[in-house]
Amino acid sequence: MDLVLQFFVDWLAFLVPALAVWAVIGIHVYRSDFHQPTIDAIYFAAMLVIGALTWRTMSGNDSHWLVHTASLGIMIVGGVMHKRDNGDEQPHLAG
């Protein structure tokens, strides 16, 4: 059982960045007003999953916490830089 758990923890180091890249590409490539709320909801759900996995990695003092934190940061920056189809940008954090 310990071998299965170690295998799962090791693969999380690769799954989190892959999920982050998939979500950022998906939110910037898909251009449809009809499906935009769905795409935004999927992006937010992916961000919540990555946030939870990052918290678990940091609280467990795992060796790949930096990869998970960087992936979450990339998702935050990618979400802030997201443009809508009508050309309106999302509100920026700084004035």
N, C-alpha and C. Protein backbone atom coordinates (compact mmCIF):
# COMPACT_ATOMS: atom_id res chain seq x y z
N MET A 1 0.82 -1.20 0.00
CA MET A 1 0.00 0.00 0.00
C MET A 1 0.86 1.26 0.00
N ASP A 2 1.98 1.18 0.70
CA ASP A 2 2.87 2.33 0.77
C ASP A 2 3.45 2.65 -0.60
N LEU A 3 3.70 1.65 -1.41
CA LEU A 3 4.23 1.84 -2.75
C LEU A 3 3.22 2.55 -3.65
N VAL A 4 1.94 2.20 -3.52
CA VAL A 4 0.89 2.84 -4.30
C VAL A 4 0.75 4.31 -3.91
N LEU A 5 0.81 4.60 -2.63
CA LEU A 5 0.70 5.97 -2.16
C LEU A 5 1.89 6.80 -2.63
N GLN A 6 3.07 6.25 -2.58
CA GLN A 6 4.26 6.97 -3.04
C GLN A 6 4.18 7.23 -4.54
N PHE A 7 3.67 6.27 -5.31
CA PHE A 7 3.50 6.44 -6.75
C PHE A 7 2.53 7.58 -7.04
N PHE A 8 1.42 7.64 -6.29
CA PHE A 8 0.42 8.70 -6.48
C PHE A 8 1.00 10.07 -6.14
N VAL A 9 1.74 10.17 -5.05
CA VAL A 9 2.33 11.44 -4.64
C VAL A 9 3.36 11.90 -5.66
N ASP A 10 4.15 10.98 -6.19
CA ASP A 10 5.14 11.36 -7.19
C ASP A 10 4.50 11.83 -8.49
N TRP A 11 3.40 11.23 -8.89
CA TRP A 11 2.72 11.65 -10.12
C TRP A 11 2.01 12.98 -9.97
N LEU A 12 1.68 13.38 -8.75
CA LEU A 12 1.07 14.69 -8.54
C LEU A 12 2.00 15.82 -8.96
N ALA A 13 3.30 15.59 -8.87
CA ALA A 13 4.25 16.61 -9.29
C ALA A 13 4.11 16.90 -10.78
N PHE A 14 3.65 15.94 -11.57
CA PHE A 14 3.48 16.13 -13.01
C PHE A 14 2.04 16.48 -13.37
N LEU A 15 1.08 16.00 -12.60
CA LEU A 15 -0.33 16.24 -12.92
C LEU A 15 -0.75 17.68 -12.67
N VAL A 16 -0.27 18.30 -11.64
CA VAL A 16 -0.68 19.66 -11.31
C VAL A 16 -0.24 20.66 -12.39
N PRO A 17 1.02 20.66 -12.84
CA PRO A 17 1.38 21.58 -13.93
C PRO A 17 0.64 21.25 -15.23
N ALA A 18 0.40 19.98 -15.50
CA ALA A 18 -0.34 19.62 -16.72
C ALA A 18 -1.77 20.14 -16.66
N LEU A 19 -2.41 20.04 -15.52
CA LEU A 19 -3.77 20.57 -15.36
C LEU A 19 -3.77 22.09 -15.48
N ALA A 20 -2.78 22.74 -14.93
CA ALA A 20 -2.70 24.21 -15.02
C ALA A 20 -2.51 24.66 -16.47
N VAL A 21 -1.63 24.01 -17.20
CA VAL A 21 -1.41 24.38 -18.61
C VAL A 21 -2.66 24.11 -19.43
N TRP A 22 -3.31 22.97 -19.19
CA TRP A 22 -4.55 22.65 -19.91
C TRP A 22 -5.62 23.71 -19.66
N ALA A 23 -5.77 24.14 -18.42
CA ALA A 23 -6.80 25.13 -18.08
C ALA A 23 -6.49 26.50 -18.68
N VAL A 24 -5.23 26.93 -18.62
CA VAL A 24 -4.86 28.24 -19.18
C VAL A 24 -5.04 28.24 -20.69
N ILE A 25 -4.62 27.18 -21.35
CA ILE A 25 -4.80 27.10 -22.80
C ILE A 25 -6.29 27.05 -23.13
N GLY A 26 -7.05 26.29 -22.39
CA GLY A 26 -8.48 26.18 -22.64
C GLY A 26 -9.22 27.49 -22.50
N ILE A 27 -8.88 28.28 -21.50
CA ILE A 27 -9.60 29.54 -21.28
C ILE A 27 -9.23 30.58 -22.34
N HIS A 28 -8.05 30.48 -22.92
CA HIS A 28 -7.64 31.46 -23.92
C HIS A 28 -7.98 31.04 -25.35
N VAL A 29 -8.17 29.76 -25.60
CA VAL A 29 -8.43 29.28 -26.95
C VAL A 29 -9.92 29.25 -27.26
N TYR A 30 -10.73 28.86 -26.31
CA TYR A 30 -12.16 28.67 -26.57
C TYR A 30 -12.84 30.02 -26.67
N ARG A 31 -13.45 30.30 -27.82
CA ARG A 31 -14.05 31.61 -28.09
C ARG A 31 -15.53 31.48 -28.42
N SER A 32 -16.37 31.35 -27.44
CA SER A 32 -17.79 31.26 -27.66
C SER A 32 -18.52 31.91 -26.49
N ASP A 33 -19.38 32.88 -26.80
CA ASP A 33 -20.12 33.55 -25.72
C ASP A 33 -21.08 32.59 -25.03
N PHE A 34 -21.60 31.63 -25.79
CA PHE A 34 -22.57 30.70 -25.23
C PHE A 34 -21.94 29.81 -24.15
N HIS A 35 -20.74 29.35 -24.38
CA HIS A 35 -20.07 28.44 -23.45
C HIS A 35 -19.12 29.14 -22.48
N GLN A 36 -19.03 30.45 -22.55
CA GLN A 36 -18.06 31.17 -21.72
C GLN A 36 -18.28 30.96 -20.22
N PRO A 37 -19.52 30.99 -19.71
CA PRO A 37 -19.68 30.72 -18.26
C PRO A 37 -19.26 29.31 -17.87
N THR A 38 -19.47 28.35 -18.76
CA THR A 38 -19.05 26.98 -18.48
C THR A 38 -17.53 26.87 -18.44
N ILE A 39 -16.87 27.50 -19.39
CA ILE A 39 -15.40 27.47 -19.44
C ILE A 39 -14.83 28.16 -18.20
N ASP A 40 -15.44 29.28 -17.81
CA ASP A 40 -14.97 29.97 -16.60
C ASP A 40 -15.17 29.12 -15.35
N ALA A 41 -16.28 28.39 -15.29
CA ALA A 41 -16.53 27.52 -14.14
C ALA A 41 -15.53 26.36 -14.09
N ILE A 42 -15.21 25.79 -15.24
CA ILE A 42 -14.22 24.71 -15.30
C ILE A 42 -12.85 25.24 -14.87
N TYR A 43 -12.51 26.44 -15.33
CA TYR A 43 -11.23 27.05 -14.96
C TYR A 43 -11.16 27.27 -13.45
N PHE A 44 -12.26 27.79 -12.88
CA PHE A 44 -12.28 28.03 -11.44
C PHE A 44 -12.20 26.72 -10.66
N ALA A 45 -12.88 25.67 -11.15
CA ALA A 45 -12.80 24.37 -10.49
C ALA A 45 -11.38 23.81 -10.54
N ALA A 46 -10.72 23.96 -11.70
CA ALA A 46 -9.33 23.51 -11.81
C ALA A 46 -8.44 24.29 -10.86
N MET A 47 -8.71 25.58 -10.70
CA MET A 47 -7.92 26.39 -9.79
C MET A 47 -8.15 25.95 -8.33
N LEU A 48 -9.37 25.59 -8.00
CA LEU A 48 -9.64 25.10 -6.65
C LEU A 48 -8.94 23.77 -6.39
N VAL A 49 -8.94 22.88 -7.37
CA VAL A 49 -8.26 21.58 -7.22
C VAL A 49 -6.76 21.79 -7.04
N ILE A 50 -6.18 22.65 -7.87
CA ILE A 50 -4.75 22.91 -7.76
C ILE A 50 -4.43 23.60 -6.44
N GLY A 51 -5.30 24.48 -5.99
CA GLY A 51 -5.10 25.13 -4.69
C GLY A 51 -5.13 24.12 -3.55
N ALA A 52 -6.07 23.18 -3.60
CA ALA A 52 -6.15 22.15 -2.56
C ALA A 52 -4.93 21.24 -2.59
N LEU A 53 -4.49 20.86 -3.79
CA LEU A 53 -3.29 20.01 -3.88
C LEU A 53 -2.04 20.77 -3.45
N THR A 54 -1.98 22.05 -3.73
CA THR A 54 -0.84 22.86 -3.28
C THR A 54 -0.82 22.96 -1.76
N TRP A 55 -2.00 23.16 -1.17
CA TRP A 55 -2.08 23.22 0.29
C TRP A 55 -1.65 21.89 0.91
N ARG A 56 -2.10 20.77 0.31
CA ARG A 56 -1.73 19.45 0.82
C ARG A 56 -0.23 19.23 0.70
N THR A 57 0.34 19.66 -0.42
CA THR A 57 1.77 19.47 -0.63
C THR A 57 2.59 20.30 0.35
N MET A 58 2.16 21.53 0.59
CA MET A 58 2.91 22.39 1.50
C MET A 58 2.74 21.95 2.95
N SER A 59 1.53 21.52 3.32
CA SER A 59 1.33 21.09 4.71
C SER A 59 2.00 19.75 4.99
N GLY A 60 2.13 18.93 3.95
CA GLY A 60 2.81 17.65 4.11
C GLY A 60 4.31 17.73 3.95
N ASN A 61 4.82 18.94 3.65
CA ASN A 61 6.25 19.18 3.47
C ASN A 61 6.84 18.25 2.40
N ASP A 62 6.09 18.11 1.28
CA ASP A 62 6.59 17.31 0.16
C ASP A 62 7.65 18.09 -0.60
N SER A 63 8.43 17.38 -1.37
CA SER A 63 9.57 18.00 -2.03
C SER A 63 9.19 18.84 -3.25
N HIS A 64 8.00 18.66 -3.81
CA HIS A 64 7.63 19.41 -5.03
C HIS A 64 6.59 20.49 -4.76
N TRP A 65 6.67 21.13 -3.62
CA TRP A 65 5.73 22.20 -3.28
C TRP A 65 5.93 23.41 -4.18
N LEU A 66 7.16 23.66 -4.61
CA LEU A 66 7.44 24.83 -5.44
C LEU A 66 6.79 24.69 -6.82
N VAL A 67 6.77 23.48 -7.37
CA VAL A 67 6.14 23.25 -8.67
C VAL A 67 4.64 23.51 -8.57
N HIS A 68 4.02 23.06 -7.51
CA HIS A 68 2.58 23.27 -7.34
C HIS A 68 2.26 24.75 -7.11
N THR A 69 3.07 25.44 -6.33
CA THR A 69 2.85 26.86 -6.08
C THR A 69 3.04 27.67 -7.36
N ALA A 70 4.04 27.33 -8.16
CA ALA A 70 4.25 28.02 -9.44
C ALA A 70 3.08 27.77 -10.39
N SER A 71 2.55 26.56 -10.40
CA SER A 71 1.41 26.25 -11.26
C SER A 71 0.19 27.06 -10.86
N LEU A 72 -0.04 27.20 -9.58
CA LEU A 72 -1.16 28.01 -9.10
C LEU A 72 -0.95 29.48 -9.46
N GLY A 73 0.26 29.96 -9.35
CA GLY A 73 0.56 31.34 -9.74
C GLY A 73 0.35 31.59 -11.22
N ILE A 74 0.74 30.62 -12.05
CA ILE A 74 0.51 30.75 -13.49
C ILE A 74 -0.98 30.79 -13.80
N MET A 75 -1.76 30.00 -13.09
CA MET A 75 -3.21 30.03 -13.32
C MET A 75 -3.81 31.37 -12.90
N ILE A 76 -3.34 31.95 -11.82
CA ILE A 76 -3.86 33.25 -11.39
C ILE A 76 -3.53 34.32 -12.41
N VAL A 77 -2.29 34.35 -12.87
CA VAL A 77 -1.89 35.34 -13.89
C VAL A 77 -2.64 35.09 -15.19
N GLY A 78 -2.80 33.84 -15.59
CA GLY A 78 -3.55 33.52 -16.81
C GLY A 78 -5.00 33.92 -16.72
N GLY A 79 -5.61 33.81 -15.56
CA GLY A 79 -6.99 34.22 -15.39
C GLY A 79 -7.16 35.72 -15.41
N VAL A 80 -6.20 36.45 -14.87
CA VAL A 80 -6.26 37.91 -14.86
C VAL A 80 -6.06 38.46 -16.28
N MET A 81 -5.23 37.80 -17.07
CA MET A 81 -4.94 38.28 -18.42
C MET A 81 -5.96 37.81 -19.45
N HIS A 82 -6.98 37.10 -19.03
CA HIS A 82 -7.98 36.55 -19.95
C HIS A 82 -8.83 37.65 -20.56
N LYS A 83 -9.01 37.60 -21.90
CA LYS A 83 -9.85 38.56 -22.62
C LYS A 83 -11.13 37.88 -23.05
N ARG A 84 -12.22 38.60 -23.02
CA ARG A 84 -13.50 38.09 -23.50
C ARG A 84 -13.58 38.28 -25.01
N ASP A 85 -14.59 37.66 -25.64
CA ASP A 85 -14.77 37.75 -27.08
C ASP A 85 -15.06 39.16 -27.56
N ASN A 86 -15.76 39.94 -26.77
CA ASN A 86 -16.12 41.28 -27.20
C ASN A 86 -14.98 42.29 -27.01
N GLY A 87 -13.82 41.84 -26.62
CA GLY A 87 -12.67 42.70 -26.47
C GLY A 87 -12.51 43.28 -25.08
N ASP A 88 -13.50 43.11 -24.22
CA ASP A 88 -13.39 43.63 -22.86
C ASP A 88 -12.44 42.74 -22.07
N GLU A 89 -11.58 43.38 -21.33
CA GLU A 89 -10.67 42.62 -20.48
C GLU A 89 -11.29 42.43 -19.11
N GLN A 90 -10.84 41.42 -18.44
CA GLN A 90 -11.25 41.23 -17.06
C GLN A 90 -10.70 42.39 -16.24
N PRO A 91 -11.36 42.74 -15.15
CA PRO A 91 -10.82 43.82 -14.31
C PRO A 91 -9.46 43.44 -13.76
N HIS A 92 -8.55 44.40 -13.79
CA HIS A 92 -7.20 44.17 -13.29
C HIS A 92 -7.16 44.42 -11.79
N LEU A 93 -6.20 43.80 -11.15
CA LEU A 93 -6.07 43.94 -9.71
C LEU A 93 -5.52 45.31 -9.33
N ALA A 94 -4.60 45.84 -10.13
CA ALA A 94 -4.01 47.14 -9.84
C ALA A 94 -4.59 48.18 -10.80
N GLY A 95 -4.76 49.38 -10.31
CA GLY A 95 -5.37 50.48 -11.05
C GLY A 95 -4.69 50.81 -12.31
